[in-house]
Amino acid sequence: MYALTTQVNTGTLRETFFLNQMLCNHEVCYPKQGDFLVDQKYLFEVGGKNKTFEQIKDVEESFLAVDGIEIGSRSRIPLWMFGMLY
């Protein structure tokens, strides 16, 4: 992204990273709610450290992939950890 422009949208960068990492071994779709549906089962919302579950609060098997944190808890997973899937 940085090779194409000097003004990269942070949200787009996060979502592109997440999608790139998940596509190596998983089926990923764009759902009506949340950002990504993985393997027709797990719903992910991608965002910064202040991201909340508000958009996916009523969905079972939903998770936050959060940038800007080192350690996750419960359904809040640090975004960098998805880099280990590749």
N, C-alpha and C. Protein backbone atom coordinates (compact mmCIF):
# COMPACT_ATOMS: atom_id res chain seq x y z
N MET A 1 0.82 -1.19 0.00
CA MET A 1 0.00 0.00 0.00
C MET A 1 0.87 1.26 0.00
N TYR A 2 1.95 1.21 0.77
CA TYR A 2 2.82 2.37 0.85
C TYR A 2 3.58 2.60 -0.46
N ALA A 3 3.69 1.57 -1.29
CA ALA A 3 4.34 1.73 -2.59
C ALA A 3 3.46 2.52 -3.55
N LEU A 4 2.15 2.54 -3.30
CA LEU A 4 1.22 3.21 -4.20
C LEU A 4 0.86 4.62 -3.78
N THR A 5 0.93 4.90 -2.47
CA THR A 5 0.53 6.22 -1.98
C THR A 5 1.21 6.53 -0.65
N THR A 6 1.30 7.79 -0.34
CA THR A 6 1.86 8.19 0.96
C THR A 6 0.76 8.35 2.00
N GLN A 7 -0.49 8.33 1.56
CA GLN A 7 -1.62 8.50 2.48
C GLN A 7 -2.41 7.20 2.57
N VAL A 8 -1.97 6.31 3.44
CA VAL A 8 -2.62 5.02 3.62
C VAL A 8 -3.62 5.12 4.77
N ASN A 9 -4.85 4.69 4.53
CA ASN A 9 -5.88 4.68 5.56
C ASN A 9 -5.57 3.56 6.55
N THR A 10 -5.48 3.89 7.83
CA THR A 10 -5.12 2.91 8.85
C THR A 10 -6.12 1.75 8.93
N GLY A 11 -7.40 2.04 8.83
CA GLY A 11 -8.41 0.99 8.88
C GLY A 11 -8.28 0.02 7.72
N THR A 12 -8.04 0.55 6.54
CA THR A 12 -7.84 -0.28 5.36
C THR A 12 -6.58 -1.13 5.49
N LEU A 13 -5.54 -0.55 6.04
CA LEU A 13 -4.29 -1.28 6.26
C LEU A 13 -4.50 -2.46 7.21
N ARG A 14 -5.20 -2.23 8.30
CA ARG A 14 -5.50 -3.29 9.27
C ARG A 14 -6.30 -4.42 8.62
N GLU A 15 -7.35 -4.05 7.92
CA GLU A 15 -8.23 -5.06 7.32
C GLU A 15 -7.52 -5.82 6.20
N THR A 16 -6.67 -5.15 5.45
CA THR A 16 -5.91 -5.82 4.40
C THR A 16 -4.94 -6.83 5.01
N PHE A 17 -4.28 -6.46 6.09
CA PHE A 17 -3.37 -7.37 6.78
C PHE A 17 -4.13 -8.60 7.28
N PHE A 18 -5.25 -8.38 7.96
CA PHE A 18 -6.05 -9.49 8.49
C PHE A 18 -6.48 -10.43 7.36
N LEU A 19 -7.03 -9.88 6.30
CA LEU A 19 -7.50 -10.68 5.18
C LEU A 19 -6.35 -11.48 4.55
N ASN A 20 -5.22 -10.84 4.34
CA ASN A 20 -4.07 -11.50 3.76
C ASN A 20 -3.63 -12.70 4.60
N GLN A 21 -3.61 -12.55 5.90
CA GLN A 21 -3.16 -13.63 6.77
C GLN A 21 -4.18 -14.77 6.82
N MET A 22 -5.45 -14.46 6.82
CA MET A 22 -6.47 -15.49 6.92
C MET A 22 -6.64 -16.29 5.62
N LEU A 23 -6.44 -15.64 4.49
CA LEU A 23 -6.67 -16.31 3.20
C LEU A 23 -5.71 -17.45 2.92
N CYS A 24 -4.60 -17.53 3.64
CA CYS A 24 -3.64 -18.60 3.35
C CYS A 24 -4.20 -19.98 3.69
N ASN A 25 -5.10 -20.08 4.68
CA ASN A 25 -5.62 -21.39 5.08
C ASN A 25 -7.12 -21.41 5.40
N HIS A 26 -7.81 -20.32 5.13
CA HIS A 26 -9.22 -20.23 5.53
C HIS A 26 -10.07 -19.61 4.42
N GLU A 27 -11.36 -19.90 4.49
CA GLU A 27 -12.33 -19.26 3.60
C GLU A 27 -12.80 -17.99 4.29
N VAL A 28 -12.74 -16.88 3.59
CA VAL A 28 -13.13 -15.59 4.18
C VAL A 28 -14.19 -14.95 3.30
N CYS A 29 -15.28 -14.48 3.96
CA CYS A 29 -16.38 -13.81 3.26
C CYS A 29 -16.64 -12.47 3.93
N TYR A 30 -17.35 -11.60 3.20
CA TYR A 30 -17.79 -10.33 3.77
C TYR A 30 -19.22 -10.49 4.24
N PRO A 31 -19.46 -10.44 5.55
CA PRO A 31 -20.81 -10.63 6.08
C PRO A 31 -21.60 -9.32 6.14
N LYS A 32 -22.88 -9.42 6.45
CA LYS A 32 -23.71 -8.23 6.62
C LYS A 32 -23.33 -7.49 7.90
N GLN A 33 -22.90 -8.24 8.89
CA GLN A 33 -22.52 -7.67 10.19
C GLN A 33 -21.06 -8.02 10.46
N GLY A 34 -20.27 -7.08 10.95
CA GLY A 34 -18.85 -7.33 11.19
C GLY A 34 -18.04 -7.11 9.93
N ASP A 35 -16.72 -7.36 10.03
CA ASP A 35 -15.83 -7.14 8.89
C ASP A 35 -15.61 -8.40 8.06
N PHE A 36 -15.37 -9.53 8.72
CA PHE A 36 -15.04 -10.77 8.00
C PHE A 36 -15.69 -11.97 8.67
N LEU A 37 -16.20 -12.89 7.85
CA LEU A 37 -16.70 -14.17 8.33
C LEU A 37 -15.72 -15.24 7.86
N VAL A 38 -15.12 -15.94 8.82
CA VAL A 38 -14.08 -16.91 8.52
C VAL A 38 -14.64 -18.32 8.66
N ASP A 39 -14.45 -19.13 7.63
CA ASP A 39 -14.89 -20.52 7.60
C ASP A 39 -16.38 -20.68 7.91
N GLN A 40 -17.17 -19.70 7.49
CA GLN A 40 -18.64 -19.71 7.69
C GLN A 40 -19.03 -19.84 9.15
N LYS A 41 -18.12 -19.50 10.08
CA LYS A 41 -18.41 -19.70 11.50
C LYS A 41 -17.97 -18.55 12.39
N TYR A 42 -16.80 -18.01 12.17
CA TYR A 42 -16.21 -17.03 13.09
C TYR A 42 -16.31 -15.63 12.50
N LEU A 43 -16.94 -14.72 13.24
CA LEU A 43 -17.11 -13.35 12.80
C LEU A 43 -16.04 -12.48 13.46
N PHE A 44 -15.36 -11.68 12.64
CA PHE A 44 -14.31 -10.80 13.14
C PHE A 44 -14.62 -9.36 12.81
N GLU A 45 -14.32 -8.51 13.75
CA GLU A 45 -14.35 -7.07 13.58
C GLU A 45 -12.91 -6.61 13.81
N VAL A 46 -12.35 -5.86 12.88
CA VAL A 46 -10.96 -5.42 12.95
C VAL A 46 -10.94 -3.94 13.29
N GLY A 47 -10.03 -3.56 14.22
CA GLY A 47 -9.95 -2.15 14.58
C GLY A 47 -8.77 -1.83 15.47
N GLY A 48 -8.78 -0.62 15.97
CA GLY A 48 -7.72 -0.13 16.86
C GLY A 48 -7.98 -0.53 18.29
N LYS A 49 -7.09 -0.10 19.19
CA LYS A 49 -7.14 -0.54 20.58
C LYS A 49 -8.42 -0.12 21.31
N ASN A 50 -9.13 0.86 20.81
CA ASN A 50 -10.37 1.30 21.45
C ASN A 50 -11.62 0.66 20.86
N LYS A 51 -11.43 -0.29 19.95
CA LYS A 51 -12.56 -0.97 19.29
C LYS A 51 -13.38 -1.74 20.32
N THR A 52 -14.70 -1.65 20.22
CA THR A 52 -15.59 -2.35 21.14
C THR A 52 -16.39 -3.42 20.39
N PHE A 53 -17.11 -4.22 21.13
CA PHE A 53 -17.95 -5.28 20.56
C PHE A 53 -19.31 -4.75 20.10
N GLU A 54 -19.54 -3.47 20.14
CA GLU A 54 -20.85 -2.89 19.84
C GLU A 54 -21.44 -3.40 18.52
N GLN A 55 -20.64 -3.50 17.48
CA GLN A 55 -21.16 -3.90 16.17
C GLN A 55 -21.46 -5.39 16.08
N ILE A 56 -20.87 -6.20 16.95
CA ILE A 56 -21.04 -7.66 16.87
C ILE A 56 -21.46 -8.27 18.21
N LYS A 57 -22.02 -7.45 19.08
CA LYS A 57 -22.31 -7.89 20.45
C LYS A 57 -23.31 -9.04 20.55
N ASP A 58 -24.21 -9.17 19.61
CA ASP A 58 -25.24 -10.21 19.68
C ASP A 58 -24.91 -11.46 18.87
N VAL A 59 -23.69 -11.57 18.40
CA VAL A 59 -23.30 -12.67 17.52
C VAL A 59 -22.39 -13.64 18.29
N GLU A 60 -22.81 -14.92 18.32
CA GLU A 60 -21.94 -15.93 18.93
C GLU A 60 -20.74 -16.14 18.03
N GLU A 61 -19.66 -16.63 18.59
CA GLU A 61 -18.43 -16.89 17.83
C GLU A 61 -17.92 -15.62 17.15
N SER A 62 -17.99 -14.48 17.86
CA SER A 62 -17.49 -13.23 17.31
C SER A 62 -16.26 -12.78 18.09
N PHE A 63 -15.34 -12.14 17.37
CA PHE A 63 -14.06 -11.76 17.94
C PHE A 63 -13.64 -10.39 17.43
N LEU A 64 -12.79 -9.73 18.21
CA LEU A 64 -12.16 -8.50 17.77
C LEU A 64 -10.71 -8.80 17.44
N ALA A 65 -10.24 -8.34 16.31
CA ALA A 65 -8.82 -8.38 15.95
C ALA A 65 -8.34 -6.94 16.13
N VAL A 66 -7.57 -6.71 17.19
CA VAL A 66 -7.28 -5.35 17.64
C VAL A 66 -5.82 -4.97 17.44
N ASP A 67 -5.61 -3.85 16.77
CA ASP A 67 -4.28 -3.30 16.57
C ASP A 67 -3.92 -2.41 17.76
N GLY A 68 -2.65 -2.36 18.09
CA GLY A 68 -2.21 -1.46 19.16
C GLY A 68 -2.21 -2.07 20.55
N ILE A 69 -2.42 -3.38 20.65
CA ILE A 69 -2.33 -4.05 21.95
C ILE A 69 -1.33 -5.20 21.82
N GLU A 70 -0.68 -5.52 22.92
CA GLU A 70 0.29 -6.61 22.90
C GLU A 70 -0.31 -7.92 23.38
N ILE A 71 -1.23 -7.84 24.33
CA ILE A 71 -1.81 -9.03 24.94
C ILE A 71 -3.32 -8.96 24.82
N GLY A 72 -3.93 -10.05 24.42
CA GLY A 72 -5.38 -10.11 24.30
C GLY A 72 -6.02 -10.73 25.52
N SER A 73 -7.32 -10.73 25.54
CA SER A 73 -8.09 -11.41 26.59
C SER A 73 -9.46 -11.76 26.03
N ARG A 74 -9.89 -12.95 26.40
CA ARG A 74 -11.17 -13.47 25.93
C ARG A 74 -11.28 -13.40 24.41
N SER A 75 -12.18 -12.59 23.91
CA SER A 75 -12.42 -12.52 22.47
C SER A 75 -11.74 -11.32 21.81
N ARG A 76 -10.82 -10.68 22.52
CA ARG A 76 -10.01 -9.59 21.97
C ARG A 76 -8.63 -10.15 21.65
N ILE A 77 -8.32 -10.26 20.36
CA ILE A 77 -7.07 -10.87 19.92
C ILE A 77 -6.19 -9.79 19.30
N PRO A 78 -4.92 -9.70 19.71
CA PRO A 78 -4.03 -8.72 19.08
C PRO A 78 -3.90 -9.01 17.58
N LEU A 79 -3.99 -7.97 16.78
CA LEU A 79 -3.93 -8.13 15.33
C LEU A 79 -2.61 -8.75 14.88
N TRP A 80 -1.53 -8.41 15.55
CA TRP A 80 -0.22 -8.94 15.15
C TRP A 80 -0.16 -10.46 15.22
N MET A 81 -0.96 -11.07 16.09
CA MET A 81 -0.91 -12.51 16.25
C MET A 81 -1.39 -13.25 14.99
N PHE A 82 -2.21 -12.61 14.19
CA PHE A 82 -2.67 -13.24 12.95
C PHE A 82 -1.53 -13.40 11.95
N GLY A 83 -0.45 -12.67 12.15
CA GLY A 83 0.74 -12.83 11.33
C GLY A 83 1.41 -14.18 11.54
N MET A 84 1.12 -14.84 12.64
CA MET A 84 1.69 -16.14 12.94
C MET A 84 0.99 -17.28 12.17
N LEU A 85 -0.11 -16.99 11.52
CA LEU A 85 -0.85 -18.01 10.78
C LEU A 85 -0.20 -18.36 9.46
N TYR A 86 0.58 -17.47 8.94
CA TYR A 86 1.14 -17.65 7.59
C TYR A 86 2.27 -18.64 7.57
